[in-house]
């Protein structure tokens, strides 16, 4: 999608005093009817109301060739320099329109539903989801324009707090780089839960950014009476700008979240076209969809140190010819992916192809290979060649 130049971050409304928020929370302790933030941004409903063509071109191939040619996406994020002050300096441009636009980071430990939330906010899948930790490895930008407000969401990898491989160090650098450039942070946790990994992520969030606490998976909470004591304990950990209990799978909750976040977006021109959904290329989305099917169909058998590289991409009218390599670290993992008689690899290819045809509104010919690259996840050189930032 075509990207327009953007101005620097502008801060949103001031954070709510924790005492006032706590008082409002206590007033509604019985039913969580309404926990409001600044400017009455949050309009929570009752928790009970919150829950609120097929050609099989997938092919499996077995190859140990060591020659890989990976392709990455280059982005030019050049900024326009300005001149301010001084005799004869041109007057600084002041935006006087009604449009709002801002960058919003979605952060949290692995498997709290960040990618599911991003896809729901955008209205289309742009980030992969799986029960396996670390399915999101790149910054994924999703865009949604609602009336005069454009929300630019950045889904991040879950902070890695347990392992120190080159891959995990890369993922954490990605998260920290995102946080330095956003207007608002959504800190996602599972409703009613807060563990050591959540605390480590919270400690890394910048103090100069407004942070909204997203209590996701509210539909999984069976004892609603425990939510208010939990909320009080969360308020003691940080002066959150807003508290939003929701289920990312309920459209009503997602629409409510837009209205809560809108006042925090700076008044400025939109960064993207009104109908833009993501700044990622079709090639990148193809590799992500293949990786999602890989993790979903291998379950816990396959470690997360597997990646997908697009080797060839050709467009012929409404046809996409794609050749991709699944890269693993050991021969045993290779056999696990291929499966008996190549059946598992064929299924991975078939399911990925069907989803890509829907996403791209085009016919897709997908060819998959499995390659072994020992130690790739702990090699900075390999990570760069595979497109990791």
Protein backbone atom coordinates (compact mmCIF):
# COMPACT_ATOMS: atom_id res chain seq x y z
CA UNK A 1 0.00 0.00 0.00
CA UNK A 2 1.20 3.52 -0.71
CA UNK A 3 2.55 5.21 2.39
CA UNK A 4 2.41 8.92 2.94
CA UNK A 5 4.85 10.92 5.01
CA UNK A 6 3.98 11.33 8.66
CA UNK A 7 4.72 13.84 11.37
CA UNK A 8 6.29 13.16 14.73
CA UNK A 9 4.36 11.65 17.62
CA UNK A 10 2.03 13.96 19.49
CA UNK A 11 0.91 12.98 22.93
CA UNK A 12 -2.74 12.14 23.62
CA UNK A 13 -4.92 13.07 26.59
CA UNK A 14 -3.30 13.17 29.99
CA UNK A 15 -3.27 9.94 31.97
CA UNK A 16 -6.03 9.52 34.54
CA UNK A 17 -5.16 9.85 38.21
CA UNK A 18 -5.08 6.32 39.65
CA UNK A 19 -7.13 7.35 42.70
CA UNK A 20 -9.98 8.61 40.53
CA UNK A 21 -9.92 5.50 38.40
CA UNK A 22 -9.89 3.33 41.50
CA UNK A 23 -12.89 5.21 42.90
CA UNK A 24 -14.85 4.70 39.70
CA UNK A 25 -13.91 1.02 39.73
CA UNK A 26 -15.17 0.58 43.28
CA UNK A 27 -18.49 2.23 42.43
CA UNK A 28 -19.15 -0.54 39.93
CA UNK A 29 -17.51 -3.42 41.75
CA UNK A 30 -20.62 -5.56 41.62
CA UNK A 31 -21.07 -5.84 37.92
CA UNK A 32 -18.26 -4.03 36.10
CA UNK A 33 -20.91 -1.96 34.37
CA UNK A 34 -18.60 0.96 33.76
CA UNK A 35 -14.92 1.64 34.41
CA UNK A 36 -14.18 4.95 32.75
CA UNK A 37 -10.96 6.70 31.80
CA UNK A 38 -10.23 10.31 30.86
CA UNK A 39 -12.85 12.17 28.89
CA UNK A 40 -15.32 9.31 29.50
CA UNK A 41 -13.54 7.39 26.76
CA UNK A 42 -14.47 3.95 28.08
CA UNK A 43 -18.08 2.91 27.88
CA UNK A 44 -18.01 -0.62 29.16
CA UNK A 45 -21.08 -2.77 29.00
CA UNK A 46 -21.88 -5.46 31.49
CA UNK A 47 -19.32 -8.31 31.28
CA UNK A 48 -22.09 -10.59 30.11
CA UNK A 49 -22.66 -8.28 27.18
CA UNK A 50 -18.97 -7.95 26.33
CA UNK A 51 -18.76 -11.38 24.88
CA UNK A 52 -19.75 -10.07 22.99
CA UNK A 53 -12.29 -23.10 -6.72
CA UNK A 54 -10.26 -25.54 -4.84
CA UNK A 55 -7.38 -26.89 -6.93
CA UNK A 56 -4.75 -28.61 -4.82
CA UNK A 57 -1.53 -27.05 -6.07
CA UNK A 58 0.33 -27.64 -2.77
CA UNK A 59 3.32 -29.86 -3.43
CA UNK A 60 5.87 -31.41 -1.09
CA UNK A 61 9.53 -31.71 -1.98
CA UNK A 62 12.51 -33.06 -0.05
CA UNK A 63 15.71 -31.11 -0.55
CA UNK A 64 19.00 -30.69 1.33
CA UNK A 65 20.55 -28.15 -1.02
CA UNK A 66 22.57 -25.64 1.01
CA UNK A 67 22.13 -22.82 -1.49
CA UNK A 68 19.36 -20.51 -0.32
CA UNK A 69 18.55 -17.15 -1.81
CA UNK A 70 16.40 -15.27 0.65
CA UNK A 71 14.56 -12.10 -0.19
CA UNK A 72 13.62 -9.38 2.23
CA UNK A 73 11.56 -6.25 2.07
CA UNK A 74 13.29 -2.89 2.11
CA UNK A 75 11.37 0.07 3.43
CA UNK A 76 12.34 3.71 3.04
CA UNK A 77 11.27 5.50 6.17
CA UNK A 78 12.88 8.79 5.28
CA UNK A 79 11.67 11.72 7.33
CA UNK A 80 11.30 15.30 6.12
CA UNK A 81 13.53 17.68 8.02
CA UNK A 82 12.04 20.97 9.15
CA UNK A 83 13.38 24.41 10.08
CA UNK A 84 12.07 26.14 13.15
CA UNK A 85 12.79 29.50 14.75
CA UNK A 86 15.30 32.11 13.64
CA UNK A 87 14.99 35.27 11.58
CA UNK A 88 13.49 34.58 8.20
CA UNK A 89 12.51 31.01 9.07
CA UNK A 90 9.26 29.87 7.42
CA UNK A 91 6.29 29.51 9.79
CA UNK A 92 5.79 25.96 11.05
CA UNK A 93 2.79 24.18 9.57
CA UNK A 94 -0.06 23.73 12.04
CA UNK A 95 -2.67 21.12 11.12
CA UNK A 96 -6.17 22.58 11.45
CA UNK A 97 -8.28 19.71 10.15
CA UNK A 98 -10.39 17.18 12.04
CA UNK A 99 -8.56 13.99 11.01
CA UNK A 100 -6.72 11.98 13.62
CA UNK A 101 -3.94 9.45 13.08
CA UNK A 102 -1.47 7.71 15.37
CA UNK A 103 0.74 4.68 15.94
CA UNK A 104 -0.49 2.14 18.48
CA UNK A 105 1.74 -0.69 19.73
CA UNK A 106 0.18 -3.98 20.83
CA UNK A 107 2.49 -5.65 23.37
CA UNK A 108 2.39 -8.47 25.89
CA UNK A 109 3.89 -11.84 26.66
CA UNK A 110 3.45 -14.64 24.10
CA UNK A 111 0.00 -16.17 23.66
CA UNK A 112 -2.21 -13.49 25.20
CA UNK A 113 -4.06 -12.90 21.92
CA UNK A 114 -2.16 -9.95 20.42
CA UNK A 115 -2.33 -11.16 16.81
CA UNK A 116 -5.98 -12.15 17.17
CA UNK A 117 -6.72 -8.65 18.46
CA UNK A 118 -4.81 -7.02 15.58
CA UNK A 119 -6.68 -9.06 12.97
CA UNK A 120 -10.00 -8.16 14.60
CA UNK A 121 -9.11 -4.45 14.69
CA UNK A 122 -8.05 -4.44 11.03
CA UNK A 123 -11.01 -6.56 9.95
CA UNK A 124 -8.82 -9.00 8.01
CA UNK A 125 -5.99 -11.35 8.79
CA UNK A 126 -2.62 -9.58 8.57
CA UNK A 127 -0.88 -11.40 11.44
CA UNK A 128 -0.73 -15.14 11.99
CA UNK A 129 -2.20 -16.84 15.03
CA UNK A 130 -1.38 -20.15 16.69
CA UNK A 131 -1.35 -21.72 20.13
CA UNK A 132 2.41 -22.04 19.78
CA UNK A 133 4.42 -19.17 21.28
CA UNK A 134 6.37 -16.87 18.99
CA UNK A 135 4.29 -17.15 15.86
CA UNK A 136 4.68 -13.38 15.42
CA UNK A 137 8.30 -12.52 14.64
CA UNK A 138 8.15 -9.30 12.67
CA UNK A 139 6.55 -5.94 13.21
CA UNK A 140 3.17 -6.26 11.53
CA UNK A 141 1.44 -2.99 10.70
CA UNK A 142 -2.32 -3.11 10.41
CA UNK A 143 -4.36 -0.08 9.38
CA UNK A 144 -8.01 0.71 10.05
CA UNK A 145 -9.75 3.98 9.21
CA UNK A 146 -12.95 4.66 11.13
CA UNK A 147 -14.70 7.92 10.25
CA UNK A 148 -12.11 10.71 10.66
CA UNK A 149 -9.65 8.58 12.67
CA UNK A 150 -6.94 6.33 11.24
CA UNK A 151 -5.52 3.74 13.62
CA UNK A 152 -2.11 2.32 12.70
CA UNK A 153 -1.58 -0.79 14.82
CA UNK A 154 1.80 -2.42 15.25
CA UNK A 155 1.67 -6.05 16.37
CA UNK A 156 4.93 -7.11 18.01
CA UNK A 157 6.53 -10.42 18.97
CA UNK A 158 5.92 -11.38 22.58
CA UNK A 159 8.79 -10.26 24.80
CA UNK A 160 11.24 -13.12 25.30
CA UNK A 161 12.17 -13.42 28.97
CA UNK A 162 13.45 -17.00 29.21
CA UNK A 163 15.83 -17.77 26.35
CA UNK A 164 18.76 -15.82 24.94
CA UNK A 165 19.20 -17.03 21.37
CA UNK A 166 20.00 -14.61 18.56
CA UNK A 167 16.40 -14.99 17.38
CA UNK A 168 14.97 -13.99 20.76
CA UNK A 169 17.37 -11.06 21.11
CA UNK A 170 16.23 -9.95 17.66
CA UNK A 171 12.57 -10.22 18.68
CA UNK A 172 13.11 -8.12 21.81
CA UNK A 173 14.97 -5.44 19.83
CA UNK A 174 11.99 -5.33 17.48
CA UNK A 175 9.57 -4.71 20.36
CA UNK A 176 11.73 -2.02 21.97
CA UNK A 177 12.20 -0.27 18.63
CA UNK A 178 8.44 -0.12 18.13
CA UNK A 179 7.78 1.33 21.59
CA UNK A 180 10.08 4.28 21.02
CA UNK A 181 8.01 5.54 18.09
CA UNK A 182 4.34 5.13 19.07
CA UNK A 183 1.67 7.43 20.45
CA UNK A 184 -0.12 4.81 22.54
CA UNK A 185 0.60 1.34 23.95
CA UNK A 186 -1.93 -1.47 24.38
CA UNK A 187 -0.63 -3.81 27.09
CA UNK A 188 -2.47 -7.11 26.57
CA UNK A 189 -2.92 -9.65 29.35
CA UNK A 190 -5.38 -12.47 29.96
CA UNK A 191 -8.29 -11.23 32.05
CA UNK A 192 -7.85 -12.17 35.69
CA UNK A 193 -4.26 -13.34 35.23
CA UNK A 194 -0.88 -11.72 35.77
CA UNK A 195 2.32 -13.74 36.00
CA UNK A 196 6.06 -13.16 36.14
CA UNK A 197 6.36 -12.90 32.35
CA UNK A 198 3.60 -10.26 32.28
CA UNK A 199 5.42 -8.30 35.00
CA UNK A 200 8.68 -8.40 33.05
CA UNK A 201 6.97 -7.00 29.97
CA UNK A 202 5.24 -4.28 32.00
CA UNK A 203 8.59 -3.21 33.50
CA UNK A 204 9.97 -2.61 30.00
CA UNK A 205 7.20 -0.29 28.86
CA UNK A 206 8.18 3.39 28.54
CA UNK A 207 7.01 5.71 31.32
CA UNK A 208 6.39 8.61 28.94
CA UNK A 209 3.73 6.84 26.86
CA UNK A 210 0.04 6.38 27.72
CA UNK A 211 -0.61 2.68 28.32
CA UNK A 212 -4.04 1.04 28.01
CA UNK A 213 -4.53 -2.22 29.88
CA UNK A 214 -6.37 -4.71 27.66
CA UNK A 215 -7.85 -7.59 29.67
CA UNK A 216 -8.35 -10.04 26.79
CA UNK A 217 -10.18 -13.38 26.75
CA UNK A 218 -12.89 -12.06 29.05
CA UNK A 219 -15.21 -14.77 27.74
CA UNK A 220 -12.97 -17.35 29.43
CA UNK A 221 -13.48 -15.82 32.89
CA UNK A 222 -16.06 -17.85 34.82
CA UNK A 223 -15.92 -16.04 38.19
CA UNK A 224 -16.65 -12.43 37.35
CA UNK A 225 -16.67 -11.37 41.01
CA UNK A 226 -12.89 -11.84 41.07
CA UNK A 227 -12.32 -9.26 38.35
CA UNK A 228 -12.57 -6.16 40.55
CA UNK A 229 -9.93 -7.27 43.09
CA UNK A 230 -7.73 -8.21 40.16
CA UNK A 231 -8.27 -4.79 38.58
CA UNK A 232 -7.35 -3.07 41.86
CA UNK A 233 -4.11 -5.06 41.99
CA UNK A 234 -3.35 -4.05 38.39
CA UNK A 235 -3.91 -0.36 39.19
CA UNK A 236 -1.26 -0.65 41.89
CA UNK A 237 1.27 -1.85 39.34
CA UNK A 238 0.96 1.14 37.01
CA UNK A 239 -1.20 4.20 36.47
CA UNK A 240 -2.92 2.80 33.36
CA UNK A 241 -4.59 5.37 31.14
CA UNK A 242 -7.55 3.05 30.53
CA UNK A 243 -8.74 -0.40 31.56
CA UNK A 244 -10.61 -2.30 28.84
CA UNK A 245 -12.01 -5.80 29.47
CA UNK A 246 -12.89 -7.51 26.20
CA UNK A 247 -12.89 -10.57 24.01
CA UNK A 248 -10.98 -9.96 20.77
CA UNK A 249 -13.33 -12.38 19.03
CA UNK A 250 -16.41 -10.22 19.68
CA UNK A 251 -17.02 -7.46 17.16
CA UNK A 252 -18.96 -5.32 19.65
CA UNK A 253 -15.92 -5.23 21.93
CA UNK A 254 -13.64 -4.30 19.05
CA UNK A 255 -15.89 -1.44 17.94
CA UNK A 256 -16.06 -0.16 21.53
CA UNK A 257 -12.26 -0.20 21.70
CA UNK A 258 -12.03 2.12 18.66
CA UNK A 259 -14.09 4.72 20.48
CA UNK A 260 -11.94 4.41 23.60
CA UNK A 261 -8.67 4.86 21.70
CA UNK A 262 -9.76 7.63 19.35
CA UNK A 263 -9.17 10.60 21.73
CA UNK A 264 -5.53 9.55 22.12
CA UNK A 265 -4.72 9.87 18.42
CA UNK A 266 -3.01 13.16 17.47
CA UNK A 267 -4.87 15.48 15.13
CA UNK A 268 -2.90 15.21 11.91
CA UNK A 269 -3.14 13.93 8.34
CA UNK A 270 -3.56 10.20 7.78
CA UNK A 271 -0.41 8.17 7.09
CA UNK A 272 -2.08 5.78 4.61
CA UNK A 273 -4.90 5.71 2.08
CA UNK A 274 -8.37 5.29 3.56
CA UNK A 275 -8.76 1.72 2.28
CA UNK A 276 -5.25 0.53 3.34
CA UNK A 277 -5.12 -2.56 5.56
CA UNK A 278 -1.39 -3.20 5.99
CA UNK A 279 2.00 -1.94 4.85
CA UNK A 280 3.28 -5.48 4.28
CA UNK A 281 3.67 -6.96 0.81
CA UNK A 282 1.78 -9.97 -0.55
CA UNK A 283 5.07 -11.88 -0.53
CA UNK A 284 5.54 -11.28 3.19
CA UNK A 285 1.93 -12.24 3.97
CA UNK A 286 2.39 -15.46 1.96
CA UNK A 287 5.37 -16.52 4.08
CA UNK A 288 3.40 -15.74 7.26
CA UNK A 289 0.36 -17.77 6.15
CA UNK A 290 2.54 -20.78 5.34
CA UNK A 291 4.22 -20.52 8.74
CA UNK A 292 0.85 -20.35 10.48
CA UNK A 293 -0.34 -23.57 8.82
CA UNK A 294 3.02 -25.17 9.62
CA UNK A 295 2.65 -24.50 13.34
CA UNK A 296 -1.03 -25.36 13.48
CA UNK A 297 -0.59 -28.71 11.75
CA UNK A 298 2.54 -29.81 13.61
CA UNK A 299 1.31 -28.82 17.08
CA UNK A 300 3.85 -29.24 19.86
CA UNK A 301 5.96 -31.63 17.79
CA UNK A 302 7.86 -28.85 16.03
CA UNK A 303 9.95 -26.30 17.99
CA UNK A 304 9.28 -22.67 17.13
CA UNK A 305 12.73 -22.41 15.50
CA UNK A 306 11.30 -22.95 12.02
CA UNK A 307 10.82 -20.23 9.44
CA UNK A 308 9.59 -19.78 5.87
CA UNK A 309 11.48 -18.11 3.03
CA UNK A 310 9.91 -17.16 -0.32
CA UNK A 311 12.36 -18.36 -3.00
CA UNK A 312 10.37 -17.43 -6.10
CA UNK A 313 7.39 -15.14 -6.73
CA UNK A 314 5.86 -14.69 -10.16
CA UNK A 315 2.68 -12.89 -11.15
CA UNK A 316 0.89 -13.87 -14.36
CA UNK A 317 -2.31 -11.86 -14.55
CA UNK A 318 -4.56 -13.25 -11.82
CA UNK A 319 -2.18 -16.13 -11.05
CA UNK A 320 0.53 -16.14 -8.37
CA UNK A 321 3.29 -18.75 -8.71
CA UNK A 322 5.03 -19.14 -5.36
CA UNK A 323 7.94 -21.36 -4.39
CA UNK A 324 8.81 -21.35 -0.69
CA UNK A 325 11.23 -23.14 1.64
CA UNK A 326 10.44 -24.22 5.19
CA UNK A 327 13.73 -23.96 7.09
CA UNK A 328 14.38 -26.11 10.17
CA UNK A 329 17.43 -26.91 12.28
CA UNK A 330 17.48 -30.73 12.32
CA UNK A 331 16.79 -33.65 9.98
CA UNK A 332 14.25 -35.07 12.44
CA UNK A 333 12.21 -31.88 12.16
CA UNK A 334 12.29 -32.17 8.39
CA UNK A 335 10.73 -35.62 8.48
CA UNK A 336 8.15 -34.40 10.97
CA UNK A 337 7.00 -31.69 8.56
CA UNK A 338 6.92 -33.91 5.48
CA UNK A 339 4.99 -36.67 7.24
CA UNK A 340 4.22 -40.18 6.02
CA UNK A 341 4.17 -40.20 2.24
CA UNK A 342 4.44 -36.42 2.23
CA UNK A 343 0.86 -36.07 3.47
CA UNK A 344 1.48 -33.45 6.16
CA UNK A 345 3.45 -31.17 3.85
CA UNK A 346 0.74 -31.49 1.19
CA UNK A 347 -1.88 -30.46 3.75
CA UNK A 348 0.20 -27.47 4.87
CA UNK A 349 0.50 -26.37 1.24
CA UNK A 350 -3.17 -26.94 0.47
CA UNK A 351 -4.49 -25.00 3.47
CA UNK A 352 -2.03 -22.15 2.97
CA UNK A 353 -2.90 -21.90 -0.72
CA UNK A 354 -6.64 -21.73 -0.06
CA UNK A 355 -6.21 -18.91 2.46
CA UNK A 356 -3.84 -17.02 0.15
CA UNK A 357 -6.34 -17.22 -2.70
CA UNK A 358 -8.96 -15.65 -0.46
CA UNK A 359 -6.56 -12.99 0.82
CA UNK A 360 -5.21 -12.02 -2.62
CA UNK A 361 -8.38 -12.64 -4.62
CA UNK A 362 -6.26 -14.56 -7.13
CA UNK A 363 -5.38 -18.12 -8.11
CA UNK A 364 -2.28 -19.43 -6.35
CA UNK A 365 0.16 -22.16 -7.38
CA UNK A 366 2.19 -23.01 -4.27
CA UNK A 367 5.28 -25.19 -4.19
CA UNK A 368 6.87 -26.06 -0.83
CA UNK A 369 10.32 -27.40 0.04
CA UNK A 370 11.83 -28.36 3.39
CA UNK A 371 15.47 -27.49 4.07
CA UNK A 372 17.78 -28.06 7.03
CA UNK A 373 19.99 -25.18 8.21
CA UNK A 374 21.60 -26.18 11.49
CA UNK A 375 21.75 -23.38 14.06
CA UNK A 376 19.98 -20.77 11.92
CA UNK A 377 18.00 -19.37 14.89
CA UNK A 378 21.22 -18.50 16.73
CA UNK A 379 23.01 -16.94 13.76
CA UNK A 380 22.71 -13.19 13.21
CA UNK A 381 23.79 -13.68 9.58
CA UNK A 382 21.09 -16.25 8.88
CA UNK A 383 18.47 -14.09 10.59
CA UNK A 384 19.33 -11.12 8.38
CA UNK A 385 19.26 -13.28 5.25
CA UNK A 386 15.80 -14.54 6.23
CA UNK A 387 14.43 -11.02 6.54
CA UNK A 388 14.56 -10.47 10.29
CA UNK A 389 15.09 -6.84 11.18
